[in-house]
Amino acid sequence: MDILFILVPLSVVLALLVLGGLWWAVYRGQFEDVEEEGRRIFEDDKD
């Protein structure tokens, strides 16, 4: 039973870290144009 006093706060902190990381990625524009990256794979970059 004592382990719950460690695991519950730890899981809350972990969830907040994940949400904070997602917020940071959205705020920094990581998901602005995901389709361009998919098209870039098929382009030939040979000069």
PDB file of N, CA and C in Angstrom:
ATOM      1  N   MET A   1       0.817  -1.196   0.000  1.00  0.00           N
ATOM      2  CA  MET A   1       0.000   0.000   0.000  1.00  0.00           C
ATOM      3  C   MET A   1       0.858   1.256   0.000  1.00  0.00           C
ATOM      4  N   ASP A   2       2.008   1.190   0.659  1.00  0.00           N
ATOM      5  CA  ASP A   2       2.888   2.359   0.724  1.00  0.00           C
ATOM      6  C   ASP A   2       3.449   2.740  -0.638  1.00  0.00           C
ATOM      7  N   ILE A   3       3.548   1.768  -1.542  1.00  0.00           N
ATOM      8  CA  ILE A   3       4.086   2.045  -2.868  1.00  0.00           C
ATOM      9  C   ILE A   3       3.187   2.999  -3.641  1.00  0.00           C
ATOM     10  N   LEU A   4       1.897   3.021  -3.316  1.00  0.00           N
ATOM     11  CA  LEU A   4       0.972   3.935  -3.994  1.00  0.00           C
ATOM     12  C   LEU A   4       1.303   5.391  -3.703  1.00  0.00           C
ATOM     13  N   PHE A   5       1.858   5.658  -2.532  1.00  0.00           N
ATOM     14  CA  PHE A   5       2.236   7.021  -2.190  1.00  0.00           C
ATOM     15  C   PHE A   5       3.414   7.504  -3.035  1.00  0.00           C
ATOM     16  N   ILE A   6       4.121   6.585  -3.643  1.00  0.00           N
ATOM     17  CA  ILE A   6       5.228   6.938  -4.547  1.00  0.00           C
ATOM     18  C   ILE A   6       4.753   6.921  -5.997  1.00  0.00           C
ATOM     19  N   LEU A   7       4.004   5.894  -6.367  1.00  0.00           N
ATOM     20  CA  LEU A   7       3.622   5.709  -7.764  1.00  0.00           C
ATOM     21  C   LEU A   7       2.602   6.732  -8.259  1.00  0.00           C
ATOM     22  N   VAL A   8       1.655   7.117  -7.445  1.00  0.00           N
ATOM     23  CA  VAL A   8       0.636   8.070  -7.888  1.00  0.00           C
ATOM     24  C   VAL A   8       1.249   9.443  -8.169  1.00  0.00           C
ATOM     25  N   PRO A   9       2.016  10.036  -7.255  1.00  0.00           N
ATOM     26  CA  PRO A   9       2.645  11.323  -7.590  1.00  0.00           C
ATOM     27  C   PRO A   9       3.642  11.209  -8.750  1.00  0.00           C
ATOM     28  N   LEU A  10       4.340  10.090  -8.830  1.00  0.00           N
ATOM     29  CA  LEU A  10       5.283   9.891  -9.921  1.00  0.00           C
ATOM     30  C   LEU A  10       4.567   9.835 -11.266  1.00  0.00           C
ATOM     31  N   SER A  11       3.422   9.190 -11.317  1.00  0.00           N
ATOM     32  CA  SER A  11       2.676   9.130 -12.574  1.00  0.00           C
ATOM     33  C   SER A  11       2.082  10.488 -12.930  1.00  0.00           C
ATOM     34  N   VAL A  12       1.690  11.270 -11.948  1.00  0.00           N
ATOM     35  CA  VAL A  12       1.193  12.616 -12.218  1.00  0.00           C
ATOM     36  C   VAL A  12       2.307  13.495 -12.769  1.00  0.00           C
ATOM     37  N   VAL A  13       3.482  13.405 -12.185  1.00  0.00           N
ATOM     38  CA  VAL A  13       4.628  14.177 -12.670  1.00  0.00           C
ATOM     39  C   VAL A  13       4.990  13.746 -14.086  1.00  0.00           C
ATOM     40  N   LEU A  14       4.997  12.466 -14.357  1.00  0.00           N
ATOM     41  CA  LEU A  14       5.306  11.968 -15.685  1.00  0.00           C
ATOM     42  C   LEU A  14       4.285  12.448 -16.711  1.00  0.00           C
ATOM     43  N   ALA A  15       3.011  12.428 -16.351  1.00  0.00           N
ATOM     44  CA  ALA A  15       1.967  12.903 -17.259  1.00  0.00           C
ATOM     45  C   ALA A  15       2.139  14.400 -17.531  1.00  0.00           C
ATOM     46  N   LEU A  16       2.486  15.169 -16.520  1.00  0.00           N
ATOM     47  CA  LEU A  16       2.713  16.603 -16.719  1.00  0.00           C
ATOM     48  C   LEU A  16       3.929  16.865 -17.608  1.00  0.00           C
ATOM     49  N   LEU A  17       4.959  16.046 -17.470  1.00  0.00           N
ATOM     50  CA  LEU A  17       6.133  16.178 -18.341  1.00  0.00           C
ATOM     51  C   LEU A  17       5.787  15.875 -19.792  1.00  0.00           C
ATOM     52  N   VAL A  18       4.993  14.854 -20.014  1.00  0.00           N
ATOM     53  CA  VAL A  18       4.584  14.497 -21.372  1.00  0.00           C
ATOM     54  C   VAL A  18       3.720  15.606 -21.971  1.00  0.00           C
ATOM     55  N   LEU A  19       2.774  16.112 -21.208  1.00  0.00           N
ATOM     56  CA  LEU A  19       1.929  17.201 -21.702  1.00  0.00           C
ATOM     57  C   LEU A  19       2.738  18.469 -21.936  1.00  0.00           C
ATOM     58  N   GLY A  20       3.688  18.739 -21.070  1.00  0.00           N
ATOM     59  CA  GLY A  20       4.565  19.893 -21.262  1.00  0.00           C
ATOM     60  C   GLY A  20       5.415  19.752 -22.515  1.00  0.00           C
ATOM     61  N   GLY A  21       5.915  18.566 -22.775  1.00  0.00           N
ATOM     62  CA  GLY A  21       6.692  18.325 -23.994  1.00  0.00           C
ATOM     63  C   GLY A  21       5.848  18.470 -25.244  1.00  0.00           C
ATOM     64  N   LEU A  22       4.631  17.986 -25.191  1.00  0.00           N
ATOM     65  CA  LEU A  22       3.724  18.142 -26.332  1.00  0.00           C
ATOM     66  C   LEU A  22       3.390  19.610 -26.563  1.00  0.00           C
ATOM     67  N   TRP A  23       3.121  20.343 -25.486  1.00  0.00           N
ATOM     68  CA  TRP A  23       2.820  21.770 -25.607  1.00  0.00           C
ATOM     69  C   TRP A  23       4.018  22.506 -26.199  1.00  0.00           C
ATOM     70  N   TRP A  24       5.228  22.158 -25.740  1.00  0.00           N
ATOM     71  CA  TRP A  24       6.436  22.807 -26.244  1.00  0.00           C
ATOM     72  C   TRP A  24       6.604  22.537 -27.742  1.00  0.00           C
ATOM     73  N   ALA A  25       6.359  21.304 -28.170  1.00  0.00           N
ATOM     74  CA  ALA A  25       6.519  20.954 -29.579  1.00  0.00           C
ATOM     75  C   ALA A  25       5.509  21.700 -30.445  1.00  0.00           C
ATOM     76  N   VAL A  26       4.278  21.812 -29.983  1.00  0.00           N
ATOM     77  CA  VAL A  26       3.264  22.539 -30.742  1.00  0.00           C
ATOM     78  C   VAL A  26       3.593  24.021 -30.768  1.00  0.00           C
ATOM     79  N   TYR A  27       4.007  24.564 -29.648  1.00  0.00           N
ATOM     80  CA  TYR A  27       4.327  25.990 -29.548  1.00  0.00           C
ATOM     81  C   TYR A  27       5.523  26.359 -30.426  1.00  0.00           C
ATOM     82  N   ARG A  28       6.500  25.463 -30.545  1.00  0.00           N
ATOM     83  CA  ARG A  28       7.703  25.733 -31.339  1.00  0.00           C
ATOM     84  C   ARG A  28       7.511  25.439 -32.823  1.00  0.00           C
ATOM     85  N   GLY A  29       6.333  24.976 -33.220  1.00  0.00           N
ATOM     86  CA  GLY A  29       6.034  24.772 -34.629  1.00  0.00           C
ATOM     87  C   GLY A  29       6.486  23.442 -35.196  1.00  0.00           C
ATOM     88  N   GLN A  30       6.617  22.429 -34.370  1.00  0.00           N
ATOM     89  CA  GLN A  30       7.070  21.130 -34.857  1.00  0.00           C
ATOM     90  C   GLN A  30       6.042  20.444 -35.742  1.00  0.00           C
ATOM     91  N   PHE A  31       4.770  20.814 -35.626  1.00  0.00           N
ATOM     92  CA  PHE A  31       3.722  20.154 -36.377  1.00  0.00           C
ATOM     93  C   PHE A  31       3.083  21.079 -37.401  1.00  0.00           C
ATOM     94  N   GLU A  32       3.817  22.080 -37.849  1.00  0.00           N
ATOM     95  CA  GLU A  32       3.266  23.052 -38.789  1.00  0.00           C
ATOM     96  C   GLU A  32       2.955  22.432 -40.146  1.00  0.00           C
ATOM     97  N   ASP A  33       3.933  21.764 -40.757  1.00  0.00           N
ATOM     98  CA  ASP A  33       3.743  21.219 -42.098  1.00  0.00           C
ATOM     99  C   ASP A  33       4.276  19.796 -42.147  1.00  0.00           C
ATOM    100  N   VAL A  34       3.504  18.864 -41.642  1.00  0.00           N
ATOM    101  CA  VAL A  34       3.955  17.473 -41.609  1.00  0.00           C
ATOM    102  C   VAL A  34       3.910  16.841 -42.998  1.00  0.00           C
ATOM    103  N   GLU A  35       3.117  17.355 -43.894  1.00  0.00           N
ATOM    104  CA  GLU A  35       3.015  16.780 -45.233  1.00  0.00           C
ATOM    105  C   GLU A  35       4.260  17.076 -46.069  1.00  0.00           C
ATOM    106  N   GLU A  36       4.885  18.201 -45.846  1.00  0.00           N
ATOM    107  CA  GLU A  36       6.098  18.557 -46.598  1.00  0.00           C
ATOM    108  C   GLU A  36       7.219  17.558 -46.316  1.00  0.00           C
ATOM    109  N   GLU A  37       7.335  17.122 -45.081  1.00  0.00           N
ATOM    110  CA  GLU A  37       8.374  16.155 -44.741  1.00  0.00           C
ATOM    111  C   GLU A  37       8.129  14.827 -45.454  1.00  0.00           C
ATOM    112  N   GLY A  38       6.886  14.446 -45.620  1.00  0.00           N
ATOM    113  CA  GLY A  38       6.574  13.220 -46.348  1.00  0.00           C
ATOM    114  C   GLY A  38       6.929  13.332 -47.820  1.00  0.00           C
ATOM    115  N   ARG A  39       6.714  14.502 -48.420  1.00  0.00           N
ATOM    116  CA  ARG A  39       7.066  14.710 -49.833  1.00  0.00           C
ATOM    117  C   ARG A  39       8.572  14.838 -50.021  1.00  0.00           C
ATOM    118  N   ARG A  40       9.255  15.382 -49.042  1.00  0.00           N
ATOM    119  CA  ARG A  40      10.702  15.590 -49.137  1.00  0.00           C
ATOM    120  C   ARG A  40      11.447  14.263 -49.273  1.00  0.00           C
ATOM    121  N   ILE A  41      10.905  13.207 -48.727  1.00  0.00           N
ATOM    122  CA  ILE A  41      11.559  11.891 -48.806  1.00  0.00           C
ATOM    123  C   ILE A  41      11.651  11.425 -50.252  1.00  0.00           C
ATOM    124  N   PHE A  42      10.644  11.726 -51.053  1.00  0.00           N
ATOM    125  CA  PHE A  42      10.592  11.235 -52.423  1.00  0.00           C
ATOM    126  C   PHE A  42      11.320  12.132 -53.420  1.00  0.00           C
ATOM    127  N   GLU A  43      11.735  13.309 -53.017  1.00  0.00           N
ATOM    128  CA  GLU A  43      12.440  14.205 -53.935  1.00  0.00           C
ATOM    129  C   GLU A  43      13.876  13.757 -54.120  1.00  0.00           C
ATOM    130  N   ASP A  44      14.370  13.985 -55.310  1.00  0.00           N
ATOM    131  CA  ASP A  44      15.744  13.615 -55.643  1.00  0.00           C
ATOM    132  C   ASP A  44      16.632  14.833 -55.385  1.00  0.00           C
ATOM    133  N   ASP A  45      17.562  14.714 -54.449  1.00  0.00           N
ATOM    134  CA  ASP A  45      18.408  15.830 -54.062  1.00  0.00           C
ATOM    135  C   ASP A  45      19.758  15.832 -54.782  1.00  0.00           C
ATOM    136  N   LYS A  46      19.900  15.033 -55.810  1.00  0.00           N
ATOM    137  CA  LYS A  46      21.173  14.998 -56.521  1.00  0.00           C
ATOM    138  C   LYS A  46      21.364  16.292 -57.312  1.00  0.00           C
ATOM    139  N   ASP A  47      22.519  16.881 -57.127  1.00  0.00           N
ATOM    140  CA  ASP A  47      22.802  18.147 -57.831  1.00  0.00           C
ATOM    141  C   ASP A  47      23.625  17.918 -59.085  1.00  0.00           C
TER     142      ASP A  47
END
